[in-house]
């Protein structure tokens, strides 16, 4: 859970970072993000970032982790625009993906049943894989470089059923680095 002030600060930071990208279509992408639930959506329905604003916060955590890893791996050289785009847009597939529903649970302190809001998956646009859907959505607005597209598409590694992802990592080190940053953000920075 994050405070409203933190949610607003995260929103403003994403907007500032994306506004620093000089690519045709970035204004339309930002407008779409603002009109979508990107800034309020959870990062997952029950795991990491399962709270309002979790997707935006997770995207920033991945960006920060990519920056840290680039310092550790100076042989991986990518433009800052590519870092911003790949990190902040890697989970676009989760935009307009979740909904809330009422569920019941027994309160352990009072032993009484209580109602609570839970996130659930309500896919509105079935496209296929996690990474490929994110690439498709991003390219509706901006032209991705091959490095950005490979990194976003392969950020889930074999978790997304991509058995040949290792070959992509051999050719595009940044794709591996984005994957590691995503897992680090998920399991270390956001883990419970």
C-alpha atoms as a PDB file:
ATOM      1  CA  UNK A   1       0.000   0.000   0.000  1.00  0.00           C
ATOM      2  CA  UNK A   2       1.244   3.484  -0.760  1.00  0.00           C
ATOM      3  CA  UNK A   3       0.061   6.869   0.400  1.00  0.00           C
ATOM      4  CA  UNK A   4      -1.824   9.219  -1.885  1.00  0.00           C
ATOM      5  CA  UNK A   5       1.168  11.589  -1.799  1.00  0.00           C
ATOM      6  CA  UNK A   6       3.473   8.763  -2.958  1.00  0.00           C
ATOM      7  CA  UNK A   7       1.004   7.745  -5.685  1.00  0.00           C
ATOM      8  CA  UNK A   8       0.952  11.342  -6.978  1.00  0.00           C
ATOM      9  CA  UNK A   9       4.757  11.592  -6.794  1.00  0.00           C
ATOM     10  CA  UNK A  10       5.054   8.330  -8.767  1.00  0.00           C
ATOM     11  CA  UNK A  11       2.608   9.652 -11.371  1.00  0.00           C
ATOM     12  CA  UNK A  12       4.562  12.875 -11.755  1.00  0.00           C
ATOM     13  CA  UNK A  13       7.886  11.025 -12.038  1.00  0.00           C
ATOM     14  CA  UNK A  14       6.595   8.726 -14.793  1.00  0.00           C
ATOM     15  CA  UNK A  15       5.196  11.707 -16.703  1.00  0.00           C
ATOM     16  CA  UNK A  16       8.497  13.579 -16.326  1.00  0.00           C
ATOM     17  CA  UNK A  17      10.535  10.593 -17.509  1.00  0.00           C
ATOM     18  CA  UNK A  18       8.299   9.903 -20.504  1.00  0.00           C
ATOM     19  CA  UNK A  19       8.247  13.604 -21.397  1.00  0.00           C
ATOM     20  CA  UNK A  20      12.047  13.445 -21.636  1.00  0.00           C
ATOM     21  CA  UNK A  21      11.691  10.954 -24.504  1.00  0.00           C
ATOM     22  CA  UNK A  22      11.815  12.714 -27.875  1.00  0.00           C
ATOM     23  CA  UNK A  23       9.916  10.285 -30.041  1.00  0.00           C
ATOM     24  CA  UNK A  24       6.903  10.740 -32.256  1.00  0.00           C
ATOM     25  CA  UNK A  25       3.763   9.576 -30.491  1.00  0.00           C
ATOM     26  CA  UNK A  26       4.976  10.027 -26.912  1.00  0.00           C
ATOM     27  CA  UNK A  27       2.306  12.686 -26.251  1.00  0.00           C
ATOM     28  CA  UNK A  28      -0.418  10.324 -27.461  1.00  0.00           C
ATOM     29  CA  UNK A  29       1.026   7.535 -25.293  1.00  0.00           C
ATOM     30  CA  UNK A  30       0.989   9.798 -22.237  1.00  0.00           C
ATOM     31  CA  UNK A  31      -2.596  10.842 -22.977  1.00  0.00           C
ATOM     32  CA  UNK A  32      -3.619   7.192 -23.230  1.00  0.00           C
ATOM     33  CA  UNK A  33      -1.867   6.373 -19.948  1.00  0.00           C
ATOM     34  CA  UNK A  34      -3.643   9.264 -18.241  1.00  0.00           C
ATOM     35  CA  UNK A  35      -7.026   8.097 -19.554  1.00  0.00           C
ATOM     36  CA  UNK A  36      -6.338   4.480 -18.605  1.00  0.00           C
ATOM     37  CA  UNK A  37      -5.858   2.980 -15.140  1.00  0.00           C
ATOM     38  CA  UNK A  38      -2.031   2.811 -15.450  1.00  0.00           C
ATOM     39  CA  UNK A  39      -1.440   5.143 -12.512  1.00  0.00           C
ATOM     40  CA  UNK A  40      -4.010   3.457 -10.253  1.00  0.00           C
ATOM     41  CA  UNK A  41      -3.853  -0.202 -11.297  1.00  0.00           C
ATOM     42  CA  UNK A  42      -2.183  -2.877  -9.182  1.00  0.00           C
ATOM     43  CA  UNK A  43       0.967  -4.555 -10.465  1.00  0.00           C
ATOM     44  CA  UNK A  44      -0.663  -7.947  -9.849  1.00  0.00           C
ATOM     45  CA  UNK A  45      -3.971  -9.221  -8.544  1.00  0.00           C
ATOM     46  CA  UNK A  46      -2.586 -10.971  -5.458  1.00  0.00           C
ATOM     47  CA  UNK A  47       1.210 -10.804  -5.407  1.00  0.00           C
ATOM     48  CA  UNK A  48       3.672  -7.932  -5.767  1.00  0.00           C
ATOM     49  CA  UNK A  49       2.205  -4.429  -5.895  1.00  0.00           C
ATOM     50  CA  UNK A  50      -1.330  -5.642  -5.292  1.00  0.00           C
ATOM     51  CA  UNK A  51      -2.594  -2.207  -4.311  1.00  0.00           C
ATOM     52  CA  UNK A  52      -3.815   0.990  -5.943  1.00  0.00           C
ATOM     53  CA  UNK A  53      -0.862   2.561  -7.751  1.00  0.00           C
ATOM     54  CA  UNK A  54       1.153  -0.676  -7.693  1.00  0.00           C
ATOM     55  CA  UNK A  55       1.691  -0.878 -11.463  1.00  0.00           C
ATOM     56  CA  UNK A  56       3.110   2.633 -11.677  1.00  0.00           C
ATOM     57  CA  UNK A  57       5.301   2.070  -8.622  1.00  0.00           C
ATOM     58  CA  UNK A  58       6.532  -1.284  -9.958  1.00  0.00           C
ATOM     59  CA  UNK A  59       7.419   0.307 -13.302  1.00  0.00           C
ATOM     60  CA  UNK A  60       9.494   2.936 -11.503  1.00  0.00           C
ATOM     61  CA  UNK A  61      11.147   0.272  -9.338  1.00  0.00           C
ATOM     62  CA  UNK A  62      12.152  -1.578 -12.511  1.00  0.00           C
ATOM     63  CA  UNK A  63      13.523   1.663 -13.985  1.00  0.00           C
ATOM     64  CA  UNK A  64      15.575   2.325 -10.834  1.00  0.00           C
ATOM     65  CA  UNK A  65      16.842  -1.251 -10.768  1.00  0.00           C
ATOM     66  CA  UNK A  66      17.836  -1.100 -14.452  1.00  0.00           C
ATOM     67  CA  UNK A  67      19.837   2.052 -13.676  1.00  0.00           C
ATOM     68  CA  UNK A  68      21.590   0.254 -10.797  1.00  0.00           C
ATOM     69  CA  UNK A  69      22.342  -2.810 -12.936  1.00  0.00           C
ATOM     70  CA  UNK A  70      23.709  -0.696 -15.800  1.00  0.00           C
ATOM     71  CA  UNK A  71      26.327   0.619 -13.366  1.00  0.00           C
ATOM     72  CA  UNK A  72      27.232  -2.962 -12.436  1.00  0.00           C
ATOM     73  CA  UNK A  73      27.387  -4.007 -16.114  1.00  0.00           C
ATOM     74  CA  UNK A  74      29.051  -1.114 -17.981  1.00  0.00           C
ATOM     75  CA  UNK A  75      29.461  -3.350 -21.038  1.00  0.00           C
ATOM     76  CA  UNK A  76      25.668  -3.119 -21.511  1.00  0.00           C
ATOM     77  CA  UNK A  77      25.232   0.184 -23.306  1.00  0.00           C
ATOM     78  CA  UNK A  78      21.785   1.518 -24.191  1.00  0.00           C
ATOM     79  CA  UNK A  79      20.456   5.047 -24.633  1.00  0.00           C
ATOM     80  CA  UNK A  80      18.606   6.546 -21.661  1.00  0.00           C
ATOM     81  CA  UNK A  81      15.463   6.786 -23.818  1.00  0.00           C
ATOM     82  CA  UNK A  82      15.529   3.013 -24.253  1.00  0.00           C
ATOM     83  CA  UNK A  83      15.905   2.490 -20.516  1.00  0.00           C
ATOM     84  CA  UNK A  84      12.918   4.744 -19.830  1.00  0.00           C
ATOM     85  CA  UNK A  85      10.758   3.145 -22.505  1.00  0.00           C
ATOM     86  CA  UNK A  86      11.567  -0.488 -21.708  1.00  0.00           C
ATOM     87  CA  UNK A  87      11.326  -0.129 -17.938  1.00  0.00           C
ATOM     88  CA  UNK A  88       8.211   2.012 -17.781  1.00  0.00           C
ATOM     89  CA  UNK A  89       6.321   0.229 -20.566  1.00  0.00           C
ATOM     90  CA  UNK A  90       7.308  -3.405 -19.951  1.00  0.00           C
ATOM     91  CA  UNK A  91       3.979  -4.161 -18.207  1.00  0.00           C
ATOM     92  CA  UNK A  92       1.601  -2.172 -20.429  1.00  0.00           C
ATOM     93  CA  UNK A  93      -0.294  -5.453 -20.801  1.00  0.00           C
ATOM     94  CA  UNK A  94      -1.661  -4.815 -17.289  1.00  0.00           C
ATOM     95  CA  UNK A  95      -3.383  -1.555 -18.254  1.00  0.00           C
ATOM     96  CA  UNK A  96      -7.163  -1.965 -18.020  1.00  0.00           C
ATOM     97  CA  UNK A  97      -6.537  -5.604 -17.030  1.00  0.00           C
ATOM     98  CA  UNK A  98      -7.727  -5.724 -13.415  1.00  0.00           C
ATOM     99  CA  UNK A  99     -11.034  -5.079 -11.700  1.00  0.00           C
ATOM    100  CA  UNK A 100     -12.179  -5.252  -8.089  1.00  0.00           C
ATOM    101  CA  UNK A 101     -14.759  -7.568  -6.649  1.00  0.00           C
ATOM    102  CA  UNK A 102     -16.207  -8.145  -3.199  1.00  0.00           C
ATOM    103  CA  UNK A 103     -14.995 -11.205  -1.318  1.00  0.00           C
ATOM    104  CA  UNK A 104     -15.546 -12.496   2.188  1.00  0.00           C
ATOM    105  CA  UNK A 105     -13.054 -13.608   4.808  1.00  0.00           C
ATOM    106  CA  UNK A 106     -13.133 -14.442   8.476  1.00  0.00           C
ATOM    107  CA  UNK A 107     -11.535 -11.786  10.671  1.00  0.00           C
ATOM    108  CA  UNK A 108      -8.961 -13.606  12.813  1.00  0.00           C
ATOM    109  CA  UNK A 109      -9.403 -11.161  15.693  1.00  0.00           C
ATOM    110  CA  UNK A 110     -13.204 -11.069  15.883  1.00  0.00           C
ATOM    111  CA  UNK A 111     -13.927 -14.473  14.303  1.00  0.00           C
ATOM    112  CA  UNK A 112     -16.614 -12.689  12.245  1.00  0.00           C
ATOM    113  CA  UNK A 113     -17.047 -12.720   8.496  1.00  0.00           C
ATOM    114  CA  UNK A 114     -16.226  -9.465   6.743  1.00  0.00           C
ATOM    115  CA  UNK A 115     -16.414  -8.203   3.191  1.00  0.00           C
ATOM    116  CA  UNK A 116     -13.361  -6.774   1.429  1.00  0.00           C
ATOM    117  CA  UNK A 117     -12.360  -5.579  -2.032  1.00  0.00           C
ATOM    118  CA  UNK A 118     -10.038  -7.887  -3.973  1.00  0.00           C
ATOM    119  CA  UNK A 119      -8.365  -7.443  -7.331  1.00  0.00           C
ATOM    120  CA  UNK A 120      -9.309  -9.888 -10.049  1.00  0.00           C
ATOM    121  CA  UNK A 121      -8.230 -10.338 -13.654  1.00  0.00           C
ATOM    122  CA  UNK A 122     -10.736  -9.019 -16.185  1.00  0.00           C
ATOM    123  CA  UNK A 123      -8.946  -9.242 -19.509  1.00  0.00           C
ATOM    124  CA  UNK A 124     -10.510  -6.794 -21.950  1.00  0.00           C
ATOM    125  CA  UNK A 125      -8.093  -7.327 -24.841  1.00  0.00           C
ATOM    126  CA  UNK A 126      -6.737 -10.843 -25.280  1.00  0.00           C
ATOM    127  CA  UNK A 127      -3.608 -10.668 -27.376  1.00  0.00           C
ATOM    128  CA  UNK A 128      -1.360 -13.483 -26.242  1.00  0.00           C
ATOM    129  CA  UNK A 129       1.789 -13.317 -24.194  1.00  0.00           C
ATOM    130  CA  UNK A 130       2.571 -10.807 -21.493  1.00  0.00           C
ATOM    131  CA  UNK A 131       5.580  -9.295 -23.276  1.00  0.00           C
ATOM    132  CA  UNK A 132       4.150  -9.423 -26.787  1.00  0.00           C
ATOM    133  CA  UNK A 133       0.991  -7.624 -25.672  1.00  0.00           C
ATOM    134  CA  UNK A 134       3.077  -4.884 -24.029  1.00  0.00           C
ATOM    135  CA  UNK A 135       5.115  -4.459 -27.231  1.00  0.00           C
ATOM    136  CA  UNK A 136       1.921  -4.296 -29.304  1.00  0.00           C
ATOM    137  CA  UNK A 137       0.343  -1.671 -27.028  1.00  0.00           C
ATOM    138  CA  UNK A 138       3.486   0.502 -26.942  1.00  0.00           C
ATOM    139  CA  UNK A 139       3.816   0.363 -30.735  1.00  0.00           C
ATOM    140  CA  UNK A 140       0.289   1.685 -31.115  1.00  0.00           C
ATOM    141  CA  UNK A 141       1.842   5.006 -30.065  1.00  0.00           C
ATOM    142  CA  UNK A 142       5.627   4.996 -30.540  1.00  0.00           C
ATOM    143  CA  UNK A 143       8.070   3.137 -32.736  1.00  0.00           C
ATOM    144  CA  UNK A 144      10.196   0.872 -30.553  1.00  0.00           C
ATOM    145  CA  UNK A 145      13.801   0.144 -31.419  1.00  0.00           C
ATOM    146  CA  UNK A 146      14.648  -3.547 -31.874  1.00  0.00           C
ATOM    147  CA  UNK A 147      16.463  -3.502 -28.505  1.00  0.00           C
ATOM    148  CA  UNK A 148      13.420  -2.053 -26.733  1.00  0.00           C
ATOM    149  CA  UNK A 149      11.045  -4.516 -28.399  1.00  0.00           C
ATOM    150  CA  UNK A 150      13.211  -7.537 -27.545  1.00  0.00           C
ATOM    151  CA  UNK A 151      13.675  -6.357 -23.956  1.00  0.00           C
ATOM    152  CA  UNK A 152       9.960  -5.777 -23.372  1.00  0.00           C
ATOM    153  CA  UNK A 153       8.949  -8.959 -25.187  1.00  0.00           C
ATOM    154  CA  UNK A 154      11.427 -11.130 -23.249  1.00  0.00           C
ATOM    155  CA  UNK A 155      11.215  -9.529 -19.801  1.00  0.00           C
ATOM    156  CA  UNK A 156       9.229 -12.485 -18.431  1.00  0.00           C
ATOM    157  CA  UNK A 157      11.879 -15.011 -19.557  1.00  0.00           C
ATOM    158  CA  UNK A 158      10.489 -18.573 -19.538  1.00  0.00           C
ATOM    159  CA  UNK A 159       7.648 -17.543 -17.186  1.00  0.00           C
ATOM    160  CA  UNK A 160       5.768 -16.469 -20.311  1.00  0.00           C
ATOM    161  CA  UNK A 161       6.346 -19.783 -22.104  1.00  0.00           C
ATOM    162  CA  UNK A 162       9.183 -18.392 -24.243  1.00  0.00           C
ATOM    163  CA  UNK A 163      11.559 -21.374 -24.449  1.00  0.00           C
ATOM    164  CA  UNK A 164      13.990 -19.565 -26.800  1.00  0.00           C
ATOM    165  CA  UNK A 165      14.445 -16.504 -24.622  1.00  0.00           C
ATOM    166  CA  UNK A 166      18.057 -17.436 -23.819  1.00  0.00           C
ATOM    167  CA  UNK A 167      19.002 -16.878 -27.440  1.00  0.00           C
ATOM    168  CA  UNK A 168      17.467 -13.387 -27.267  1.00  0.00           C
ATOM    169  CA  UNK A 169      19.488 -12.661 -24.116  1.00  0.00           C
ATOM    170  CA  UNK A 170      22.691 -13.776 -25.871  1.00  0.00           C
ATOM    171  CA  UNK A 171      22.066 -11.275 -28.668  1.00  0.00           C
ATOM    172  CA  UNK A 172      20.532  -8.484 -26.557  1.00  0.00           C
ATOM    173  CA  UNK A 173      22.104  -8.161 -23.141  1.00  0.00           C
ATOM    174  CA  UNK A 174      19.748  -5.340 -22.243  1.00  0.00           C
ATOM    175  CA  UNK A 175      16.797  -7.753 -22.550  1.00  0.00           C
ATOM    176  CA  UNK A 176      18.371  -9.989 -19.889  1.00  0.00           C
ATOM    177  CA  UNK A 177      19.092  -6.962 -17.740  1.00  0.00           C
ATOM    178  CA  UNK A 178      15.452  -5.793 -17.920  1.00  0.00           C
ATOM    179  CA  UNK A 179      14.335  -9.286 -16.932  1.00  0.00           C
ATOM    180  CA  UNK A 180      16.667  -9.278 -13.921  1.00  0.00           C
ATOM    181  CA  UNK A 181      15.520  -5.783 -12.942  1.00  0.00           C
ATOM    182  CA  UNK A 182      11.878  -6.864 -13.151  1.00  0.00           C
ATOM    183  CA  UNK A 183      12.490  -9.908 -10.956  1.00  0.00           C
ATOM    184  CA  UNK A 184      14.588  -7.897  -8.508  1.00  0.00           C
ATOM    185  CA  UNK A 185      11.834  -5.274  -8.224  1.00  0.00           C
ATOM    186  CA  UNK A 186       9.205  -7.994  -7.822  1.00  0.00           C
ATOM    187  CA  UNK A 187      10.913 -10.320  -5.352  1.00  0.00           C
ATOM    188  CA  UNK A 188      13.334  -8.094  -3.459  1.00  0.00           C
ATOM    189  CA  UNK A 189      12.107  -4.494  -3.569  1.00  0.00           C
ATOM    190  CA  UNK A 190       8.381  -5.329  -3.451  1.00  0.00           C
ATOM    191  CA  UNK A 191       8.489  -8.743  -1.778  1.00  0.00           C
ATOM    192  CA  UNK A 192       6.777  -9.264   1.503  1.00  0.00           C
END
